[in-house]
PDB file of N, CA and C in Angstrom:
ATOM      1  N   MET A   1      15.004 -13.330   8.582  1.00  0.00           N
ATOM      2  CA  MET A   1      13.845 -13.021   7.768  1.00  0.00           C
ATOM      3  C   MET A   1      14.349 -12.556   6.399  1.00  0.00           C
ATOM      4  N   THR A   2      13.716 -13.030   5.341  1.00  0.00           N
ATOM      5  CA  THR A   2      14.130 -12.643   3.994  1.00  0.00           C
ATOM      6  C   THR A   2      13.635 -11.237   3.679  1.00  0.00           C
ATOM      7  N   GLU A   3      14.226 -10.645   2.656  1.00  0.00           N
ATOM      8  CA  GLU A   3      13.817  -9.292   2.272  1.00  0.00           C
ATOM      9  C   GLU A   3      12.358  -9.252   1.833  1.00  0.00           C
ATOM     10  N   VAL A   4      11.892 -10.303   1.153  1.00  0.00           N
ATOM     11  CA  VAL A   4      10.488 -10.337   0.730  1.00  0.00           C
ATOM     12  C   VAL A   4       9.571 -10.374   1.950  1.00  0.00           C
ATOM     13  N   ALA A   5       9.911 -11.193   2.934  1.00  0.00           N
ATOM     14  CA  ALA A   5       9.097 -11.260   4.149  1.00  0.00           C
ATOM     15  C   ALA A   5       9.109  -9.921   4.877  1.00  0.00           C
ATOM     16  N   GLU A   6      10.258  -9.278   4.930  1.00  0.00           N
ATOM     17  CA  GLU A   6      10.346  -7.956   5.550  1.00  0.00           C
ATOM     18  C   GLU A   6       9.479  -6.947   4.805  1.00  0.00           C
ATOM     19  N   MET A   7       9.498  -7.020   3.473  1.00  0.00           N
ATOM     20  CA  MET A   7       8.705  -6.116   2.655  1.00  0.00           C
ATOM     21  C   MET A   7       7.221  -6.299   2.953  1.00  0.00           C
ATOM     22  N   VAL A   8       6.757  -7.532   2.939  1.00  0.00           N
ATOM     23  CA  VAL A   8       5.339  -7.805   3.171  1.00  0.00           C
ATOM     24  C   VAL A   8       4.934  -7.329   4.560  1.00  0.00           C
ATOM     25  N   GLU A   9       5.739  -7.652   5.557  1.00  0.00           N
ATOM     26  CA  GLU A   9       5.425  -7.222   6.924  1.00  0.00           C
ATOM     27  C   GLU A   9       5.399  -5.708   7.028  1.00  0.00           C
ATOM     28  N   SER A  10       6.344  -5.051   6.408  1.00  0.00           N
ATOM     29  CA  SER A  10       6.436  -3.603   6.471  1.00  0.00           C
ATOM     30  C   SER A  10       5.255  -2.922   5.786  1.00  0.00           C
ATOM     31  N   ILE A  11       4.845  -3.442   4.655  1.00  0.00           N
ATOM     32  CA  ILE A  11       3.767  -2.806   3.886  1.00  0.00           C
ATOM     33  C   ILE A  11       2.400  -3.181   4.446  1.00  0.00           C
ATOM     34  N   VAL A  12       2.135  -4.459   4.614  1.00  0.00           N
ATOM     35  CA  VAL A  12       0.826  -4.907   5.079  1.00  0.00           C
ATOM     36  C   VAL A  12       0.594  -4.504   6.531  1.00  0.00           C
ATOM     37  N   GLY A  13       1.656  -4.399   7.298  1.00  0.00           N
ATOM     38  CA  GLY A  13       1.516  -4.046   8.706  1.00  0.00           C
ATOM     39  C   GLY A  13       1.267  -2.576   8.952  1.00  0.00           C
ATOM     40  N   CYS A  14       1.188  -1.768   7.933  1.00  0.00           N
ATOM     41  CA  CYS A  14       0.977  -0.335   8.093  1.00  0.00           C
ATOM     42  C   CYS A  14      -0.233   0.109   7.291  1.00  0.00           C
ATOM     43  N   LYS A  15      -1.242   0.618   7.987  1.00  0.00           N
ATOM     44  CA  LYS A  15      -2.464   1.041   7.294  1.00  0.00           C
ATOM     45  C   LYS A  15      -2.183   2.134   6.275  1.00  0.00           C
ATOM     46  N   TRP A  16      -1.193   2.985   6.553  1.00  0.00           N
ATOM     47  CA  TRP A  16      -0.918   4.066   5.612  1.00  0.00           C
ATOM     48  C   TRP A  16      -0.298   3.538   4.328  1.00  0.00           C
ATOM     49  N   SER A  17       0.565   2.544   4.414  1.00  0.00           N
ATOM     50  CA  SER A  17       1.161   1.975   3.203  1.00  0.00           C
ATOM     51  C   SER A  17       0.090   1.387   2.308  1.00  0.00           C
ATOM     52  N   VAL A  18      -0.808   0.632   2.897  1.00  0.00           N
ATOM     53  CA  VAL A  18      -1.882   0.009   2.111  1.00  0.00           C
ATOM     54  C   VAL A  18      -2.748   1.086   1.475  1.00  0.00           C
ATOM     55  N   ARG A  19      -3.069   2.126   2.225  1.00  0.00           N
ATOM     56  CA  ARG A  19      -3.904   3.212   1.696  1.00  0.00           C
ATOM     57  C   ARG A  19      -3.180   3.954   0.574  1.00  0.00           C
ATOM     58  N   LEU A  20      -1.892   4.228   0.729  1.00  0.00           N
ATOM     59  CA  LEU A  20      -1.134   4.912  -0.317  1.00  0.00           C
ATOM     60  C   LEU A  20      -1.066   4.072  -1.595  1.00  0.00           C
ATOM     61  N   LEU A  21      -0.885   2.774  -1.436  1.00  0.00           N
ATOM     62  CA  LEU A  21      -0.887   1.888  -2.609  1.00  0.00           C
ATOM     63  C   LEU A  21      -2.244   1.914  -3.302  1.00  0.00           C
ATOM     64  N   GLN A  22      -3.303   1.899  -2.511  1.00  0.00           N
ATOM     65  CA  GLN A  22      -4.648   1.945  -3.078  1.00  0.00           C
ATOM     66  C   GLN A  22      -4.848   3.236  -3.865  1.00  0.00           C
ATOM     67  N   LEU A  23      -4.401   4.350  -3.325  1.00  0.00           N
ATOM     68  CA  LEU A  23      -4.537   5.625  -4.025  1.00  0.00           C
ATOM     69  C   LEU A  23      -3.748   5.625  -5.331  1.00  0.00           C
ATOM     70  N   CYS A  24      -2.550   5.065  -5.313  1.00  0.00           N
ATOM     71  CA  CYS A  24      -1.758   4.953  -6.553  1.00  0.00           C
ATOM     72  C   CYS A  24      -2.504   4.116  -7.585  1.00  0.00           C
ATOM     73  N   ALA A  25      -3.068   3.009  -7.138  1.00  0.00           N
ATOM     74  CA  ALA A  25      -3.801   2.124  -8.054  1.00  0.00           C
ATOM     75  C   ALA A  25      -5.032   2.816  -8.633  1.00  0.00           C
ATOM     76  N   GLU A  26      -5.606   3.741  -7.874  1.00  0.00           N
ATOM     77  CA  GLU A  26      -6.789   4.480  -8.331  1.00  0.00           C
ATOM     78  C   GLU A  26      -6.434   5.670  -9.215  1.00  0.00           C
ATOM     79  N   GLY A  27      -5.144   5.925  -9.426  1.00  0.00           N
ATOM     80  CA  GLY A  27      -4.728   6.988 -10.334  1.00  0.00           C
ATOM     81  C   GLY A  27      -4.252   8.271  -9.685  1.00  0.00           C
ATOM     82  N   GLN A  28      -4.173   8.301  -8.378  1.00  0.00           N
ATOM     83  CA  GLN A  28      -3.612   9.470  -7.712  1.00  0.00           C
ATOM     84  C   GLN A  28      -2.108   9.240  -7.559  1.00  0.00           C
ATOM     85  N   HIS A  29      -1.332  10.244  -7.906  1.00  0.00           N
ATOM     86  CA  HIS A  29       0.112  10.036  -7.934  1.00  0.00           C
ATOM     87  C   HIS A  29       0.909  11.105  -7.198  1.00  0.00           C
ATOM     88  N   ARG A  30       0.270  12.188  -6.808  1.00  0.00           N
ATOM     89  CA  ARG A  30       0.980  13.306  -6.188  1.00  0.00           C
ATOM     90  C   ARG A  30       0.888  13.252  -4.671  1.00  0.00           C
ATOM     91  N   PRO A  31       1.985  13.543  -3.974  1.00  0.00           N
ATOM     92  CA  PRO A  31       1.956  13.541  -2.505  1.00  0.00           C
ATOM     93  C   PRO A  31       0.879  14.441  -1.911  1.00  0.00           C
ATOM     94  N   SER A  32       0.636  15.585  -2.527  1.00  0.00           N
ATOM     95  CA  SER A  32      -0.407  16.474  -2.000  1.00  0.00           C
ATOM     96  C   SER A  32      -1.779  15.810  -2.070  1.00  0.00           C
ATOM     97  N   ALA A  33      -2.036  15.040  -3.111  1.00  0.00           N
ATOM     98  CA  ALA A  33      -3.312  14.321  -3.233  1.00  0.00           C
ATOM     99  C   ALA A  33      -3.402  13.226  -2.173  1.00  0.00           C
ATOM    100  N   PHE A  34      -2.283  12.572  -1.883  1.00  0.00           N
ATOM    101  CA  PHE A  34      -2.273  11.540  -0.844  1.00  0.00           C
ATOM    102  C   PHE A  34      -2.658  12.140   0.510  1.00  0.00           C
ATOM    103  N   LEU A  35      -2.055  13.279   0.823  1.00  0.00           N
ATOM    104  CA  LEU A  35      -2.338  13.914   2.112  1.00  0.00           C
ATOM    105  C   LEU A  35      -3.796  14.348   2.220  1.00  0.00           C
ATOM    106  N   ARG A  36      -4.359  14.876   1.130  1.00  0.00           N
ATOM    107  CA  ARG A  36      -5.772  15.282   1.148  1.00  0.00           C
ATOM    108  C   ARG A  36      -6.693  14.079   1.334  1.00  0.00           C
ATOM    109  N   ALA A  37      -6.317  12.937   0.770  1.00  0.00           N
ATOM    110  CA  ALA A  37      -7.171  11.746   0.815  1.00  0.00           C
ATOM    111  C   ALA A  37      -7.033  10.953   2.112  1.00  0.00           C
ATOM    112  N   CYS A  38      -6.020  11.232   2.902  1.00  0.00           N
ATOM    113  CA  CYS A  38      -5.729  10.446   4.107  1.00  0.00           C
ATOM    114  C   CYS A  38      -5.780  11.326   5.344  1.00  0.00           C
ATOM    115  N   ASP A  39      -6.956  11.529   5.861  1.00  0.00           N
ATOM    116  CA  ASP A  39      -7.120  12.336   7.059  1.00  0.00           C
ATOM    117  C   ASP A  39      -6.331  11.709   8.208  1.00  0.00           C
ATOM    118  N   GLY A  40      -5.432  12.478   8.801  1.00  0.00           N
ATOM    119  CA  GLY A  40      -4.617  11.975   9.901  1.00  0.00           C
ATOM    120  C   GLY A  40      -3.211  11.566   9.501  1.00  0.00           C
ATOM    121  N   LEU A  41      -2.937  11.466   8.210  1.00  0.00           N
ATOM    122  CA  LEU A  41      -1.602  11.111   7.738  1.00  0.00           C
ATOM    123  C   LEU A  41      -0.723  12.353   7.721  1.00  0.00           C
ATOM    124  N   SER A  42       0.425  12.288   8.368  1.00  0.00           N
ATOM    125  CA  SER A  42       1.351  13.416   8.358  1.00  0.00           C
ATOM    126  C   SER A  42       2.291  13.302   7.160  1.00  0.00           C
ATOM    127  N   ALA A  43       2.843  14.431   6.752  1.00  0.00           N
ATOM    128  CA  ALA A  43       3.793  14.438   5.637  1.00  0.00           C
ATOM    129  C   ALA A  43       5.014  13.590   5.978  1.00  0.00           C
ATOM    130  N   LYS A  44       5.449  13.622   7.231  1.00  0.00           N
ATOM    131  CA  LYS A  44       6.621  12.840   7.657  1.00  0.00           C
ATOM    132  C   LYS A  44       6.376  11.343   7.481  1.00  0.00           C
ATOM    133  N   VAL A  45       5.244  10.858   7.976  1.00  0.00           N
ATOM    134  CA  VAL A  45       4.934   9.428   7.868  1.00  0.00           C
ATOM    135  C   VAL A  45       4.724   9.051   6.405  1.00  0.00           C
ATOM    136  N   MET A  46       4.024   9.904   5.650  1.00  0.00           N
ATOM    137  CA  MET A  46       3.805   9.617   4.232  1.00  0.00           C
ATOM    138  C   MET A  46       5.147   9.459   3.520  1.00  0.00           C
ATOM    139  N   ASN A  47       6.064  10.393   3.748  1.00  0.00           N
ATOM    140  CA  ASN A  47       7.362  10.317   3.079  1.00  0.00           C
ATOM    141  C   ASN A  47       8.149   9.079   3.499  1.00  0.00           C
ATOM    142  N   GLU A  48       8.080   8.707   4.778  1.00  0.00           N
ATOM    143  CA  GLU A  48       8.742   7.482   5.234  1.00  0.00           C
ATOM    144  C   GLU A  48       8.173   6.256   4.523  1.00  0.00           C
ATOM    145  N   ARG A  49       6.850   6.164   4.442  1.00  0.00           N
ATOM    146  CA  ARG A  49       6.211   5.012   3.809  1.00  0.00           C
ATOM    147  C   ARG A  49       6.535   4.962   2.323  1.00  0.00           C
ATOM    148  N   LEU A  50       6.461   6.107   1.642  1.00  0.00           N
ATOM    149  CA  LEU A  50       6.766   6.143   0.213  1.00  0.00           C
ATOM    150  C   LEU A  50       8.234   5.798  -0.045  1.00  0.00           C
ATOM    151  N   ARG A  51       9.123   6.258   0.816  1.00  0.00           N
ATOM    152  CA  ARG A  51      10.546   5.941   0.684  1.00  0.00           C
ATOM    153  C   ARG A  51      10.762   4.427   0.820  1.00  0.00           C
ATOM    154  N   LYS A  52      10.092   3.835   1.793  1.00  0.00           N
ATOM    155  CA  LYS A  52      10.238   2.387   2.016  1.00  0.00           C
ATOM    156  C   LYS A  52       9.680   1.609   0.815  1.00  0.00           C
ATOM    157  N   MET A  53       8.513   2.020   0.320  1.00  0.00           N
ATOM    158  CA  MET A  53       7.926   1.313  -0.829  1.00  0.00           C
ATOM    159  C   MET A  53       8.772   1.498  -2.080  1.00  0.00           C
ATOM    160  N   THR A  54       9.430   2.657  -2.211  1.00  0.00           N
ATOM    161  CA  THR A  54      10.348   2.874  -3.330  1.00  0.00           C
ATOM    162  C   THR A  54      11.561   1.956  -3.188  1.00  0.00           C
ATOM    163  N   HIS A  55      12.074   1.842  -1.973  1.00  0.00           N
ATOM    164  CA  HIS A  55      13.213   0.956  -1.702  1.00  0.00           C
ATOM    165  C   HIS A  55      12.897  -0.482  -2.102  1.00  0.00           C
ATOM    166  N   TYR A  56      11.698  -0.947  -1.801  1.00  0.00           N
ATOM    167  CA  TYR A  56      11.309  -2.324  -2.117  1.00  0.00           C
ATOM    168  C   TYR A  56      10.887  -2.497  -3.574  1.00  0.00           C
ATOM    169  N   GLY A  57      10.794  -1.411  -4.326  1.00  0.00           N
ATOM    170  CA  GLY A  57      10.440  -1.516  -5.736  1.00  0.00           C
ATOM    171  C   GLY A  57       8.953  -1.642  -5.992  1.00  0.00           C
ATOM    172  N   ILE A  58       8.136  -1.257  -5.023  1.00  0.00           N
ATOM    173  CA  ILE A  58       6.685  -1.343  -5.184  1.00  0.00           C
ATOM    174  C   ILE A  58       6.137  -0.112  -5.888  1.00  0.00           C
ATOM    175  N   VAL A  59       6.736   1.043  -5.601  1.00  0.00           N
ATOM    176  CA  VAL A  59       6.375   2.273  -6.301  1.00  0.00           C
ATOM    177  C   VAL A  59       7.636   2.878  -6.901  1.00  0.00           C
ATOM    178  N   GLN A  60       7.429   3.674  -7.933  1.00  0.00           N
ATOM    179  CA  GLN A  60       8.530   4.381  -8.569  1.00  0.00           C
ATOM    180  C   GLN A  60       8.315   5.871  -8.370  1.00  0.00           C
ATOM    181  N   ARG A  61       9.355   6.548  -7.933  1.00  0.00           N
ATOM    182  CA  ARG A  61       9.311   7.992  -7.719  1.00  0.00           C
ATOM    183  C   ARG A  61       9.871   8.679  -8.955  1.00  0.00           C
ATOM    184  N   THR A  62       9.111   9.652  -9.475  1.00  0.00           N
ATOM    185  CA  THR A  62       9.535  10.406 -10.639  1.00  0.00           C
ATOM    186  C   THR A  62       9.526  11.886 -10.292  1.00  0.00           C
ATOM    187  N   VAL A  63      10.616  12.564 -10.577  1.00  0.00           N
ATOM    188  CA  VAL A  63      10.710  14.009 -10.366  1.00  0.00           C
ATOM    189  C   VAL A  63      10.507  14.683 -11.717  1.00  0.00           C
ATOM    190  N   LEU A  64       9.539  15.582 -11.767  1.00  0.00           N
ATOM    191  CA  LEU A  64       9.224  16.304 -12.997  1.00  0.00           C
ATOM    192  C   LEU A  64       9.710  17.744 -12.861  1.00  0.00           C
ATOM    193  N   GLY A  65      10.454  18.194 -13.827  1.00  0.00           N
ATOM    194  CA  GLY A  65      10.993  19.548 -13.789  1.00  0.00           C
ATOM    195  C   GLY A  65      12.429  19.537 -13.322  1.00  0.00           C
ATOM    196  N   GLU A  66      13.106  20.630 -13.630  1.00  0.00           N
ATOM    197  CA  GLU A  66      14.516  20.716 -13.269  1.00  0.00           C
ATOM    198  C   GLU A  66      14.785  21.788 -12.232  1.00  0.00           C
ATOM    199  N   LYS A  67      13.951  22.804 -12.193  1.00  0.00           N
ATOM    200  CA  LYS A  67      14.150  23.898 -11.254  1.00  0.00           C
ATOM    201  C   LYS A  67      13.060  23.858 -10.191  1.00  0.00           C
ATOM    202  N   PRO A  68      13.432  24.208  -8.967  1.00  0.00           N
ATOM    203  CA  PRO A  68      12.404  24.254  -7.910  1.00  0.00           C
ATOM    204  C   PRO A  68      11.337  25.292  -8.250  1.00  0.00           C
ATOM    205  N   PRO A  69      10.123  25.044  -7.908  1.00  0.00           N
ATOM    206  CA  PRO A  69       9.660  23.826  -7.243  1.00  0.00           C
ATOM    207  C   PRO A  69       9.428  22.706  -8.256  1.00  0.00           C
ATOM    208  N   VAL A  70      10.000  21.552  -7.999  1.00  0.00           N
ATOM    209  CA  VAL A  70       9.802  20.393  -8.863  1.00  0.00           C
ATOM    210  C   VAL A  70       8.536  19.664  -8.426  1.00  0.00           C
ATOM    211  N   GLU A  71       7.971  18.894  -9.320  1.00  0.00           N
ATOM    212  CA  GLU A  71       6.814  18.064  -9.004  1.00  0.00           C
ATOM    213  C   GLU A  71       7.291  16.624  -8.855  1.00  0.00           C
ATOM    214  N   VAL A  72       6.701  15.921  -7.898  1.00  0.00           N
ATOM    215  CA  VAL A  72       7.051  14.522  -7.659  1.00  0.00           C
ATOM    216  C   VAL A  72       5.801  13.684  -7.826  1.00  0.00           C
ATOM    217  N   GLU A  73       5.950  12.548  -8.482  1.00  0.00           N
ATOM    218  CA  GLU A  73       4.846  11.597  -8.647  1.00  0.00           C
ATOM    219  C   GLU A  73       5.318  10.210  -8.235  1.00  0.00           C
ATOM    220  N   TYR A  74       4.380   9.431  -7.754  1.00  0.00           N
ATOM    221  CA  TYR A  74       4.635   8.033  -7.408  1.00  0.00           C
ATOM    222  C   TYR A  74       3.670   7.172  -8.195  1.00  0.00           C
ATOM    223  N   ARG A  75       4.180   6.122  -8.805  1.00  0.00           N
ATOM    224  CA  ARG A  75       3.357   5.186  -9.571  1.00  0.00           C
ATOM    225  C   ARG A  75       3.725   3.759  -9.179  1.00  0.00           C
ATOM    226  N   LEU A  76       2.730   2.896  -9.279  1.00  0.00           N
ATOM    227  CA  LEU A  76       2.992   1.478  -9.015  1.00  0.00           C
ATOM    228  C   LEU A  76       3.915   0.916 -10.081  1.00  0.00           C
ATOM    229  N   THR A  77       4.835   0.092  -9.663  1.00  0.00           N
ATOM    230  CA  THR A  77       5.688  -0.657 -10.579  1.00  0.00           C
ATOM    231  C   THR A  77       4.961  -1.968 -10.918  1.00  0.00           C
ATOM    232  N   PRO A  78       5.487  -2.754 -11.834  1.00  0.00           N
ATOM    233  CA  PRO A  78       4.883  -4.068 -12.064  1.00  0.00           C
ATOM    234  C   PRO A  78       4.811  -4.902 -10.770  1.00  0.00           C
ATOM    235  N   LEU A  79       5.837  -4.823  -9.931  1.00  0.00           N
ATOM    236  CA  LEU A  79       5.785  -5.516  -8.645  1.00  0.00           C
ATOM    237  C   LEU A  79       4.654  -4.952  -7.789  1.00  0.00           C
ATOM    238  N   GLY A  80       4.479  -3.640  -7.809  1.00  0.00           N
ATOM    239  CA  GLY A  80       3.385  -3.006  -7.073  1.00  0.00           C
ATOM    240  C   GLY A  80       2.026  -3.469  -7.562  1.00  0.00           C
ATOM    241  N   ASP A  81       1.871  -3.631  -8.881  1.00  0.00           N
ATOM    242  CA  ASP A  81       0.619  -4.155  -9.435  1.00  0.00           C
ATOM    243  C   ASP A  81       0.346  -5.571  -8.919  1.00  0.00           C
ATOM    244  N   ARG A  82       1.372  -6.389  -8.893  1.00  0.00           N
ATOM    245  CA  ARG A  82       1.207  -7.766  -8.384  1.00  0.00           C
ATOM    246  C   ARG A  82       0.884  -7.757  -6.896  1.00  0.00           C
ATOM    247  N   PHE A  83       1.535  -6.865  -6.153  1.00  0.00           N
ATOM    248  CA  PHE A  83       1.281  -6.732  -4.716  1.00  0.00           C
ATOM    249  C   PHE A  83      -0.167  -6.326  -4.478  1.00  0.00           C
ATOM    250  N   MET A  84      -0.702  -5.446  -5.320  1.00  0.00           N
ATOM    251  CA  MET A  84      -2.106  -5.037  -5.193  1.00  0.00           C
ATOM    252  C   MET A  84      -3.034  -6.233  -5.430  1.00  0.00           C
ATOM    253  N   GLY A  85      -2.641  -7.129  -6.315  1.00  0.00           N
ATOM    254  CA  GLY A  85      -3.422  -8.338  -6.534  1.00  0.00           C
ATOM    255  C   GLY A  85      -3.471  -9.209  -5.286  1.00  0.00           C
ATOM    256  N   ILE A  86      -2.359  -9.289  -4.578  1.00  0.00           N
ATOM    257  CA  ILE A  86      -2.318 -10.052  -3.324  1.00  0.00           C
ATOM    258  C   ILE A  86      -3.222  -9.397  -2.292  1.00  0.00           C
ATOM    259  N   LEU A  87      -3.164  -8.084  -2.178  1.00  0.00           N
ATOM    260  CA  LEU A  87      -4.026  -7.374  -1.225  1.00  0.00           C
ATOM    261  C   LEU A  87      -5.505  -7.558  -1.572  1.00  0.00           C
ATOM    262  N   ALA A  88      -5.817  -7.574  -2.856  1.00  0.00           N
ATOM    263  CA  ALA A  88      -7.208  -7.798  -3.273  1.00  0.00           C
ATOM    264  C   ALA A  88      -7.669  -9.191  -2.862  1.00  0.00           C
ATOM    265  N   GLU A  89      -6.802 -10.166  -2.989  1.00  0.00           N
ATOM    266  CA  GLU A  89      -7.152 -11.532  -2.578  1.00  0.00           C
ATOM    267  C   GLU A  89      -7.353 -11.608  -1.070  1.00  0.00           C
ATOM    268  N   VAL A  90      -6.529 -10.921  -0.311  1.00  0.00           N
ATOM    269  CA  VAL A  90      -6.694 -10.887   1.144  1.00  0.00           C
ATOM    270  C   VAL A  90      -8.043 -10.250   1.494  1.00  0.00           C
ATOM    271  N   ARG A  91      -8.410  -9.163   0.785  1.00  0.00           N
ATOM    272  CA  ARG A  91      -9.728  -8.541   1.023  1.00  0.00           C
ATOM    273  C   ARG A  91     -10.866  -9.514   0.707  1.00  0.00           C
ATOM    274  N   ARG A  92     -10.744 -10.252  -0.395  1.00  0.00           N
ATOM    275  CA  ARG A  92     -11.782 -11.226  -0.757  1.00  0.00           C
ATOM    276  C   ARG A  92     -11.898 -12.315   0.311  1.00  0.00           C
ATOM    277  N   LEU A  93     -10.780 -12.768   0.832  1.00  0.00           N
ATOM    278  CA  LEU A  93     -10.788 -13.770   1.886  1.00  0.00           C
ATOM    279  C   LEU A  93     -11.475 -13.216   3.132  1.00  0.00           C
ATOM    280  N   GLN A  94     -11.145 -11.991   3.513  1.00  0.00           N
ATOM    281  CA  GLN A  94     -11.769 -11.376   4.684  1.00  0.00           C
ATOM    282  C   GLN A  94     -13.267 -11.209   4.478  1.00  0.00           C
ATOM    283  N   ASP A  95     -13.675 -10.806   3.284  1.00  0.00           N
ATOM    284  CA  ASP A  95     -15.104 -10.663   2.981  1.00  0.00           C
ATOM    285  C   ASP A  95     -15.818 -12.004   3.103  1.00  0.00           C
ATOM    286  N   ALA A  96     -15.166 -13.077   2.645  1.00  0.00           N
ATOM    287  CA  ALA A  96     -15.760 -14.415   2.731  1.00  0.00           C
ATOM    288  C   ALA A  96     -15.915 -14.850   4.184  1.00  0.00           C
ATOM    289  N   VAL A  97     -14.927 -14.550   5.002  1.00  0.00           N
ATOM    290  CA  VAL A  97     -15.014 -14.888   6.426  1.00  0.00           C
ATOM    291  C   VAL A  97     -16.107 -14.055   7.078  1.00  0.00           C
ATOM    292  N   ASP A  98     -16.122 -12.750   6.783  1.00  0.00           N
ATOM    293  CA  ASP A  98     -17.118 -11.851   7.383  1.00  0.00           C
ATOM    294  C   ASP A  98     -18.547 -12.234   7.004  1.00  0.00           C
ATOM    295  N   SER A  99     -18.737 -12.713   5.783  1.00  0.00           N
ATOM    296  CA  SER A  99     -20.081 -13.062   5.325  1.00  0.00           C
ATOM    297  C   SER A  99     -20.481 -14.492   5.699  1.00  0.00           C
ATOM    298  N   GLY A 100     -19.557 -15.256   6.279  1.00  0.00           N
ATOM    299  CA  GLY A 100     -19.863 -16.612   6.700  1.00  0.00           C
ATOM    300  C   GLY A 100     -19.655 -17.666   5.631  1.00  0.00           C
ATOM    301  N   VAL A 101     -19.180 -17.263   4.455  1.00  0.00           N
ATOM    302  CA  VAL A 101     -18.923 -18.228   3.382  1.00  0.00           C
ATOM    303  C   VAL A 101     -17.812 -19.184   3.801  1.00  0.00           C
ATOM    304  N   ILE A 102     -16.839 -18.672   4.530  1.00  0.00           N
ATOM    305  CA  ILE A 102     -15.760 -19.488   5.085  1.00  0.00           C
ATOM    306  C   ILE A 102     -15.898 -19.401   6.597  1.00  0.00           C
ATOM    307  N   SER A 103     -15.898 -20.544   7.248  1.00  0.00           N
ATOM    308  CA  SER A 103     -16.063 -20.550   8.703  1.00  0.00           C
ATOM    309  C   SER A 103     -14.722 -20.321   9.393  1.00  0.00           C
ATOM    310  N   PRO A 104     -14.737 -19.864  10.634  1.00  0.00           N
ATOM    311  CA  PRO A 104     -13.488 -19.695  11.373  1.00  0.00           C
ATOM    312  C   PRO A 104     -12.672 -20.990  11.442  1.00  0.00           C
ATOM    313  N   ALA A 105     -13.331 -22.152  11.481  1.00  0.00           N
ATOM    314  CA  ALA A 105     -12.604 -23.423  11.534  1.00  0.00           C
ATOM    315  C   ALA A 105     -11.772 -23.619  10.271  1.00  0.00           C
ATOM    316  N   GLU A 106     -12.299 -23.183   9.126  1.00  0.00           N
ATOM    317  CA  GLU A 106     -11.565 -23.318   7.860  1.00  0.00           C
ATOM    318  C   GLU A 106     -10.350 -22.416   7.805  1.00  0.00           C
ATOM    319  N   THR A 107     -10.398 -21.312   8.550  1.00  0.00           N
ATOM    320  CA  THR A 107      -9.281 -20.378   8.545  1.00  0.00           C
ATOM    321  C   THR A 107      -8.246 -20.719   9.599  1.00  0.00           C
ATOM    322  N   GLY A 108      -8.570 -21.687  10.463  1.00  0.00           N
ATOM    323  CA  GLY A 108      -7.663 -22.067  11.529  1.00  0.00           C
ATOM    324  C   GLY A 108      -7.846 -21.221  12.772  1.00  0.00           C
ATOM    325  N   GLN A 109      -8.859 -20.360  12.776  1.00  0.00           N
ATOM    326  CA  GLN A 109      -9.140 -19.521  13.957  1.00  0.00           C
ATOM    327  C   GLN A 109     -10.225 -20.177  14.783  1.00  0.00           C
ATOM    328  N   SER A 110     -10.176 -19.933  16.074  1.00  0.00           N
ATOM    329  CA  SER A 110     -11.259 -20.430  16.919  1.00  0.00           C
ATOM    330  C   SER A 110     -12.374 -19.400  16.936  1.00  0.00           C
ATOM    331  N   PRO A 111     -13.635 -19.864  17.013  1.00  0.00           N
ATOM    332  CA  PRO A 111     -14.742 -18.907  17.045  1.00  0.00           C
ATOM    333  C   PRO A 111     -14.664 -18.066  18.303  1.00  0.00           C
ATOM    334  N   ASP A 112     -15.169 -16.826  18.213  1.00  0.00           N
ATOM    335  CA  ASP A 112     -15.144 -15.902  19.372  1.00  0.00           C
ATOM    336  C   ASP A 112     -16.014 -16.358  20.491  1.00  0.00           C
TER     337      ASP A 112
END
């Protein structure tokens, strides 16, 4: 599996990653804000997801200040902006299927 395929599977396959990206796109950048906005998300899982997205270059981690306590912010990178565009297209496709604009046959799925 290529690194890009691993990245997509890792990010899209985790509801918390998608939610964290959405929050970044909406202008929230602080880990404390992420935790407040995501009921049920633990700090451990949040940090794992943010670390992985930083590794893939989807978000950029910035440390503000030199002495503890330092502030940390996460922002979408240009790759992250493009990734959000892909997620938006997936949402539009799902909305079209849900509303009946696209039939299950067109998507390659069998009807329930």
